[in-house]
């Protein structure tokens, strides 16, 4: 199945706006934030992985070879809104949650799916939730 890009992807004027950096750090247009936040979630769902890095996003979301210059601001906004967390933050939060029975299998899976820790990794929480729900549904279907 091929990834379905948003309709704006074919519109040069719209994409020139969307790939440009934010003009002021105090003002982040909600349309641009919504566009990239949604697209980041869609790409993660397509890949079936909630994990992204800024460099990875710049590569996979490059439009006509031009990486979006606003992605660091988009990720900052998503962090503020708690729609993404950093990998260490997610581990810390879950550890504090403290259900040892639950943590053991999660930790085991976690160590297998998180690659090299040299880059800052983000976890898209809505995608992580979908993956866990699907995993749980599939697991329960065979038990």
N, C-alpha and C. Protein backbone atom coordinates (compact mmCIF):
# COMPACT_ATOMS: atom_id res chain seq x y z
N UNK A 1 0.83 -1.17 0.00
CA UNK A 1 0.00 0.00 0.00
C UNK A 1 0.88 1.25 0.00
N UNK A 2 0.57 2.18 -0.84
CA UNK A 2 1.35 3.40 -0.99
C UNK A 2 0.84 4.48 -0.03
N UNK A 3 1.76 5.26 0.51
CA UNK A 3 1.39 6.34 1.43
C UNK A 3 0.58 7.40 0.70
N UNK A 4 -0.49 7.88 1.34
CA UNK A 4 -1.34 8.91 0.75
C UNK A 4 -0.96 10.27 1.33
N UNK A 5 -0.33 11.09 0.50
CA UNK A 5 0.07 12.43 0.91
C UNK A 5 -1.15 13.33 0.94
N UNK A 6 -1.15 14.36 1.77
CA UNK A 6 -2.29 15.28 1.81
C UNK A 6 -2.41 16.04 0.49
N UNK A 7 -3.59 16.55 0.20
CA UNK A 7 -3.83 17.26 -1.07
C UNK A 7 -2.91 18.47 -1.24
N UNK A 8 -2.52 19.09 -0.15
CA UNK A 8 -1.63 20.26 -0.21
C UNK A 8 -0.27 19.91 -0.82
N UNK A 9 0.10 18.63 -0.79
CA UNK A 9 1.41 18.19 -1.28
C UNK A 9 1.61 18.54 -2.75
N UNK A 10 0.51 18.66 -3.49
CA UNK A 10 0.60 18.98 -4.93
C UNK A 10 0.51 20.48 -5.19
N UNK A 11 0.29 21.28 -4.17
CA UNK A 11 0.10 22.72 -4.30
C UNK A 11 1.40 23.45 -3.90
N UNK A 12 2.10 23.98 -4.89
CA UNK A 12 3.40 24.63 -4.65
C UNK A 12 3.30 25.80 -3.68
N UNK A 13 2.27 26.61 -3.82
CA UNK A 13 2.12 27.76 -2.92
C UNK A 13 1.90 27.31 -1.48
N UNK A 14 1.02 26.35 -1.30
CA UNK A 14 0.75 25.85 0.04
C UNK A 14 2.00 25.22 0.64
N UNK A 15 2.69 24.41 -0.13
CA UNK A 15 3.87 23.73 0.40
C UNK A 15 5.02 24.69 0.66
N UNK A 16 5.14 25.75 -0.10
CA UNK A 16 6.16 26.76 0.19
C UNK A 16 5.93 27.35 1.57
N UNK A 17 4.66 27.58 1.90
CA UNK A 17 4.31 28.06 3.23
C UNK A 17 4.61 27.00 4.28
N UNK A 18 4.16 25.76 4.04
CA UNK A 18 4.29 24.72 5.05
C UNK A 18 5.74 24.34 5.34
N UNK A 19 6.61 24.33 4.34
CA UNK A 19 8.00 23.92 4.60
C UNK A 19 8.86 25.05 5.16
N UNK A 20 8.35 26.29 5.11
CA UNK A 20 9.13 27.42 5.63
C UNK A 20 9.18 27.38 7.15
N UNK A 21 10.20 28.03 7.69
CA UNK A 21 10.35 28.09 9.14
C UNK A 21 9.30 29.06 9.70
N UNK A 22 9.08 28.99 10.98
CA UNK A 22 8.20 29.94 11.63
C UNK A 22 8.88 31.30 11.63
N UNK A 23 8.13 32.35 11.33
CA UNK A 23 8.72 33.68 11.23
C UNK A 23 9.05 34.28 12.58
N UNK A 24 8.32 33.88 13.60
CA UNK A 24 8.57 34.38 14.94
C UNK A 24 8.41 33.22 15.92
N UNK A 25 9.31 33.15 16.88
CA UNK A 25 9.22 32.04 17.84
C UNK A 25 7.99 32.19 18.74
N UNK A 26 7.48 33.41 18.87
CA UNK A 26 6.31 33.63 19.72
C UNK A 26 5.01 33.24 19.03
N UNK A 27 5.00 33.30 17.71
CA UNK A 27 3.77 33.02 16.98
C UNK A 27 3.99 31.81 16.09
N UNK A 28 3.25 30.75 16.36
CA UNK A 28 3.34 29.54 15.55
C UNK A 28 1.96 29.28 14.98
N UNK A 29 1.79 29.57 13.70
CA UNK A 29 0.46 29.43 13.09
C UNK A 29 -0.11 28.02 13.27
N UNK A 30 -1.33 27.98 13.75
CA UNK A 30 -1.96 26.69 14.07
C UNK A 30 -2.16 25.84 12.82
N UNK A 31 -2.38 26.45 11.67
CA UNK A 31 -2.57 25.69 10.43
C UNK A 31 -1.32 24.88 10.09
N UNK A 32 -0.16 25.52 10.23
CA UNK A 32 1.10 24.85 9.93
C UNK A 32 1.37 23.75 10.95
N UNK A 33 1.13 24.04 12.22
CA UNK A 33 1.33 23.04 13.27
C UNK A 33 0.42 21.84 13.06
N UNK A 34 -0.84 22.10 12.74
CA UNK A 34 -1.80 21.01 12.53
C UNK A 34 -1.41 20.17 11.32
N UNK A 35 -0.97 20.82 10.24
CA UNK A 35 -0.58 20.12 9.03
C UNK A 35 0.54 19.12 9.32
N UNK A 36 1.62 19.60 9.96
CA UNK A 36 2.78 18.74 10.19
C UNK A 36 2.51 17.72 11.30
N UNK A 37 1.78 18.10 12.34
CA UNK A 37 1.47 17.15 13.41
C UNK A 37 0.67 15.98 12.87
N UNK A 38 -0.33 16.28 12.06
CA UNK A 38 -1.14 15.23 11.45
C UNK A 38 -0.31 14.36 10.52
N UNK A 39 0.54 14.99 9.73
CA UNK A 39 1.36 14.24 8.78
C UNK A 39 2.37 13.34 9.51
N UNK A 40 2.93 13.82 10.59
CA UNK A 40 3.85 13.00 11.39
C UNK A 40 3.12 11.77 11.92
N UNK A 41 1.93 11.95 12.45
CA UNK A 41 1.14 10.81 12.94
C UNK A 41 0.81 9.85 11.80
N UNK A 42 0.41 10.39 10.65
CA UNK A 42 0.06 9.54 9.51
C UNK A 42 1.25 8.71 9.04
N UNK A 43 2.42 9.34 8.98
CA UNK A 43 3.63 8.62 8.55
C UNK A 43 3.97 7.52 9.56
N UNK A 44 3.86 7.82 10.83
CA UNK A 44 4.14 6.80 11.86
C UNK A 44 3.16 5.64 11.77
N UNK A 45 1.89 5.94 11.56
CA UNK A 45 0.90 4.87 11.40
C UNK A 45 1.20 4.04 10.16
N UNK A 46 1.58 4.70 9.08
CA UNK A 46 1.91 3.99 7.84
C UNK A 46 3.10 3.05 8.06
N UNK A 47 4.09 3.53 8.79
CA UNK A 47 5.28 2.72 9.08
C UNK A 47 5.04 1.69 10.17
N UNK A 48 3.95 1.84 10.89
CA UNK A 48 3.62 0.98 12.03
C UNK A 48 4.68 1.09 13.13
N UNK A 49 5.16 2.32 13.32
CA UNK A 49 6.15 2.60 14.35
C UNK A 49 5.89 3.98 14.95
N UNK A 50 5.84 4.08 16.28
CA UNK A 50 5.61 5.37 16.91
C UNK A 50 6.88 6.20 17.10
N UNK A 51 8.02 5.67 16.68
CA UNK A 51 9.31 6.32 16.94
C UNK A 51 9.79 7.14 15.76
N UNK A 52 10.24 8.38 16.05
CA UNK A 52 10.80 9.24 15.01
C UNK A 52 11.95 10.05 15.60
N UNK A 53 12.80 10.51 14.71
CA UNK A 53 13.82 11.49 15.07
C UNK A 53 13.62 12.69 14.16
N UNK A 54 14.18 13.81 14.54
CA UNK A 54 14.08 15.01 13.72
C UNK A 54 14.73 14.77 12.35
N UNK A 55 15.90 14.15 12.34
CA UNK A 55 16.58 13.88 11.07
C UNK A 55 15.76 12.96 10.17
N UNK A 56 15.16 11.95 10.76
CA UNK A 56 14.32 11.03 10.01
C UNK A 56 13.13 11.78 9.40
N UNK A 57 12.49 12.62 10.19
CA UNK A 57 11.35 13.39 9.68
C UNK A 57 11.77 14.33 8.56
N UNK A 58 12.92 14.96 8.70
CA UNK A 58 13.39 15.87 7.64
C UNK A 58 13.61 15.11 6.34
N UNK A 59 14.09 13.88 6.44
CA UNK A 59 14.30 13.07 5.23
C UNK A 59 12.98 12.60 4.63
N UNK A 60 12.14 12.00 5.44
CA UNK A 60 10.93 11.39 4.88
C UNK A 60 9.86 12.40 4.52
N UNK A 61 9.89 13.60 5.11
CA UNK A 61 8.89 14.61 4.81
C UNK A 61 9.42 15.72 3.89
N UNK A 62 10.58 15.48 3.30
CA UNK A 62 11.12 16.46 2.36
C UNK A 62 10.18 16.58 1.16
N UNK A 63 9.90 17.80 0.79
CA UNK A 63 9.03 18.08 -0.35
C UNK A 63 9.90 18.56 -1.50
N UNK A 64 9.89 17.79 -2.58
CA UNK A 64 10.73 18.09 -3.75
C UNK A 64 12.18 18.32 -3.34
N UNK A 65 12.64 17.49 -2.43
CA UNK A 65 14.03 17.55 -1.98
C UNK A 65 14.30 18.60 -0.90
N UNK A 66 13.29 19.35 -0.51
CA UNK A 66 13.45 20.39 0.50
C UNK A 66 12.88 19.94 1.84
N UNK A 67 13.73 19.81 2.85
CA UNK A 67 13.20 19.42 4.16
C UNK A 67 12.41 20.55 4.79
N UNK A 68 11.37 20.23 5.53
CA UNK A 68 10.61 21.27 6.23
C UNK A 68 11.51 21.94 7.28
N UNK A 69 11.55 23.26 7.26
CA UNK A 69 12.42 24.00 8.17
C UNK A 69 11.77 24.26 9.53
N UNK A 70 10.52 23.89 9.67
CA UNK A 70 9.77 24.18 10.89
C UNK A 70 9.59 22.98 11.80
N UNK A 71 10.15 21.83 11.44
CA UNK A 71 9.86 20.60 12.19
C UNK A 71 10.32 20.66 13.64
N UNK A 72 11.43 21.34 13.92
CA UNK A 72 11.85 21.44 15.32
C UNK A 72 10.80 22.19 16.14
N UNK A 73 10.22 23.23 15.56
CA UNK A 73 9.14 23.96 16.23
C UNK A 73 7.88 23.12 16.37
N UNK A 74 7.59 22.31 15.37
CA UNK A 74 6.42 21.43 15.42
C UNK A 74 6.61 20.40 16.53
N UNK A 75 7.80 19.79 16.60
CA UNK A 75 8.06 18.81 17.66
C UNK A 75 8.02 19.46 19.04
N UNK A 76 8.53 20.68 19.16
CA UNK A 76 8.44 21.40 20.43
C UNK A 76 6.98 21.60 20.84
N UNK A 77 6.15 21.98 19.87
CA UNK A 77 4.73 22.17 20.14
C UNK A 77 4.07 20.86 20.55
N UNK A 78 4.42 19.79 19.85
CA UNK A 78 3.86 18.47 20.18
C UNK A 78 4.32 18.02 21.58
N UNK A 79 5.55 18.33 21.95
CA UNK A 79 6.03 18.02 23.30
C UNK A 79 5.23 18.79 24.34
N UNK A 80 5.00 20.07 24.08
CA UNK A 80 4.24 20.92 25.00
C UNK A 80 2.81 20.41 25.17
N UNK A 81 2.22 19.93 24.08
CA UNK A 81 0.85 19.43 24.12
C UNK A 81 0.78 17.96 24.55
N UNK A 82 1.93 17.37 24.81
CA UNK A 82 2.03 15.97 25.25
C UNK A 82 1.46 14.99 24.22
N UNK A 83 1.61 15.33 22.94
CA UNK A 83 1.24 14.36 21.89
C UNK A 83 2.44 13.53 21.48
N UNK A 84 3.64 14.01 21.82
CA UNK A 84 4.86 13.22 21.71
C UNK A 84 5.63 13.37 23.01
N UNK A 85 6.45 12.39 23.30
CA UNK A 85 7.39 12.47 24.41
C UNK A 85 8.72 11.93 23.91
N UNK A 86 9.77 12.27 24.62
CA UNK A 86 11.06 11.69 24.29
C UNK A 86 11.09 10.27 24.84
N UNK A 87 11.89 9.42 24.25
CA UNK A 87 11.98 8.03 24.72
C UNK A 87 12.34 7.95 26.19
N UNK A 88 13.36 8.69 26.67
CA UNK A 88 13.67 8.60 28.11
C UNK A 88 12.50 9.05 28.98
N UNK A 89 11.76 10.06 28.56
CA UNK A 89 10.62 10.55 29.34
C UNK A 89 9.53 9.49 29.42
N UNK A 90 9.27 8.80 28.33
CA UNK A 90 8.25 7.76 28.34
C UNK A 90 8.65 6.64 29.28
N UNK A 91 9.90 6.23 29.25
CA UNK A 91 10.38 5.17 30.13
C UNK A 91 10.25 5.60 31.59
N UNK A 92 10.62 6.86 31.87
CA UNK A 92 10.53 7.39 33.23
C UNK A 92 9.07 7.40 33.70
N UNK A 93 8.18 7.85 32.85
CA UNK A 93 6.77 7.93 33.21
C UNK A 93 6.22 6.54 33.48
N UNK A 94 6.52 5.60 32.64
CA UNK A 94 6.02 4.25 32.83
C UNK A 94 6.63 3.60 34.06
N UNK A 95 7.90 3.91 34.33
CA UNK A 95 8.53 3.35 35.52
C UNK A 95 7.83 3.86 36.77
N UNK A 96 7.49 5.13 36.77
CA UNK A 96 6.78 5.71 37.90
C UNK A 96 5.40 5.08 38.02
N UNK A 97 4.81 4.73 36.92
CA UNK A 97 3.51 4.09 36.93
C UNK A 97 3.60 2.80 37.74
N UNK A 98 4.69 2.10 37.55
CA UNK A 98 5.12 1.07 38.46
C UNK A 98 4.44 -0.28 38.49
N UNK A 99 3.78 -0.69 37.49
CA UNK A 99 3.21 -2.04 37.53
C UNK A 99 4.26 -3.01 37.01
N UNK A 100 4.96 -3.65 37.92
CA UNK A 100 6.06 -4.53 37.56
C UNK A 100 5.66 -5.65 36.62
N UNK A 101 4.48 -6.17 36.80
CA UNK A 101 4.01 -7.26 35.94
C UNK A 101 3.87 -6.77 34.50
N UNK A 102 3.38 -5.55 34.35
CA UNK A 102 3.21 -4.97 33.03
C UNK A 102 4.55 -4.53 32.46
N UNK A 103 5.43 -4.03 33.31
CA UNK A 103 6.69 -3.47 32.84
C UNK A 103 7.62 -4.52 32.24
N UNK A 104 7.61 -5.70 32.75
CA UNK A 104 8.53 -6.72 32.27
C UNK A 104 8.39 -6.98 30.78
N UNK A 105 7.19 -7.28 30.26
CA UNK A 105 7.07 -7.50 28.82
C UNK A 105 7.30 -6.22 28.01
N UNK A 106 6.88 -5.08 28.56
CA UNK A 106 7.08 -3.82 27.84
C UNK A 106 8.57 -3.52 27.72
N UNK A 107 9.30 -3.71 28.81
CA UNK A 107 10.74 -3.47 28.79
C UNK A 107 11.42 -4.38 27.78
N UNK A 108 11.01 -5.62 27.73
CA UNK A 108 11.58 -6.57 26.79
C UNK A 108 11.35 -6.12 25.35
N UNK A 109 10.11 -5.73 25.03
CA UNK A 109 9.79 -5.25 23.68
C UNK A 109 10.51 -3.95 23.41
N UNK A 110 10.51 -3.06 24.40
CA UNK A 110 11.13 -1.74 24.28
C UNK A 110 12.59 -1.86 23.84
N UNK A 111 13.33 -2.77 24.47
CA UNK A 111 14.75 -2.92 24.16
C UNK A 111 14.97 -3.43 22.75
N UNK A 112 14.02 -4.14 22.20
CA UNK A 112 14.15 -4.67 20.85
C UNK A 112 13.82 -3.64 19.78
N UNK A 113 12.89 -2.71 20.09
CA UNK A 113 12.43 -1.80 19.04
C UNK A 113 13.09 -0.44 19.06
N UNK A 114 13.79 -0.08 20.12
CA UNK A 114 14.47 1.20 20.14
C UNK A 114 15.90 1.01 19.66
N UNK A 115 16.23 1.61 18.51
CA UNK A 115 17.59 1.48 18.01
C UNK A 115 18.58 2.35 18.78
N UNK A 116 19.75 2.56 18.21
CA UNK A 116 20.83 3.34 18.80
C UNK A 116 20.32 4.62 19.45
N UNK A 117 20.77 4.87 20.68
CA UNK A 117 20.28 6.02 21.45
C UNK A 117 21.07 7.29 21.18
N UNK A 118 21.84 7.36 20.10
CA UNK A 118 22.67 8.54 19.85
C UNK A 118 21.86 9.74 19.37
N UNK A 119 20.68 9.52 18.76
CA UNK A 119 19.84 10.63 18.34
C UNK A 119 18.67 10.78 19.30
N UNK A 120 18.16 11.99 19.41
CA UNK A 120 16.96 12.22 20.23
C UNK A 120 15.77 11.57 19.55
N UNK A 121 15.14 10.66 20.23
CA UNK A 121 13.99 9.96 19.67
C UNK A 121 12.72 10.44 20.33
N UNK A 122 11.69 10.53 19.53
CA UNK A 122 10.38 10.94 20.02
C UNK A 122 9.42 9.78 19.82
N UNK A 123 8.45 9.70 20.70
CA UNK A 123 7.41 8.69 20.61
C UNK A 123 6.09 9.43 20.39
N UNK A 124 5.41 9.10 19.30
CA UNK A 124 4.10 9.68 19.01
C UNK A 124 3.08 8.83 19.77
N UNK A 125 2.52 9.42 20.82
CA UNK A 125 1.72 8.65 21.76
C UNK A 125 0.45 8.06 21.16
N UNK A 126 -0.21 8.78 20.26
CA UNK A 126 -1.43 8.23 19.66
C UNK A 126 -1.12 7.00 18.82
N UNK A 127 0.04 7.00 18.17
CA UNK A 127 0.44 5.85 17.36
C UNK A 127 0.83 4.69 18.27
N UNK A 128 1.53 4.98 19.34
CA UNK A 128 1.88 3.94 20.30
C UNK A 128 0.62 3.28 20.85
N UNK A 129 -0.37 4.08 21.16
CA UNK A 129 -1.64 3.55 21.67
C UNK A 129 -2.31 2.63 20.65
N UNK A 130 -2.35 3.06 19.39
CA UNK A 130 -2.95 2.24 18.33
C UNK A 130 -2.21 0.91 18.19
N UNK A 131 -0.89 0.97 18.23
CA UNK A 131 -0.09 -0.25 18.08
C UNK A 131 -0.34 -1.20 19.25
N UNK A 132 -0.40 -0.68 20.47
CA UNK A 132 -0.68 -1.54 21.63
C UNK A 132 -2.08 -2.13 21.56
N UNK A 133 -3.05 -1.34 21.12
CA UNK A 133 -4.42 -1.84 21.00
C UNK A 133 -4.47 -2.96 19.95
N UNK A 134 -3.84 -2.72 18.80
CA UNK A 134 -3.82 -3.74 17.76
C UNK A 134 -3.10 -5.00 18.23
N UNK A 135 -1.98 -4.81 18.91
CA UNK A 135 -1.22 -5.95 19.43
C UNK A 135 -2.06 -6.74 20.42
N UNK A 136 -2.72 -6.03 21.32
CA UNK A 136 -3.55 -6.68 22.33
C UNK A 136 -4.73 -7.41 21.69
N UNK A 137 -5.34 -6.77 20.71
CA UNK A 137 -6.46 -7.39 19.99
C UNK A 137 -6.02 -8.65 19.28
N UNK A 138 -4.90 -8.58 18.57
CA UNK A 138 -4.38 -9.75 17.85
C UNK A 138 -3.94 -10.84 18.83
N UNK A 139 -3.33 -10.45 19.91
CA UNK A 139 -2.87 -11.41 20.91
C UNK A 139 -4.06 -12.14 21.54
N UNK A 140 -5.09 -11.41 21.90
CA UNK A 140 -6.27 -12.01 22.53
C UNK A 140 -7.07 -12.87 21.55
N UNK A 141 -6.98 -12.57 20.27
CA UNK A 141 -7.73 -13.35 19.27
C UNK A 141 -7.21 -14.78 19.16
N UNK A 142 -5.94 -14.98 19.51
CA UNK A 142 -5.35 -16.31 19.38
C UNK A 142 -5.21 -17.02 20.72
N UNK A 143 -5.70 -16.44 21.78
CA UNK A 143 -5.62 -17.07 23.12
C UNK A 143 -6.97 -17.56 23.56
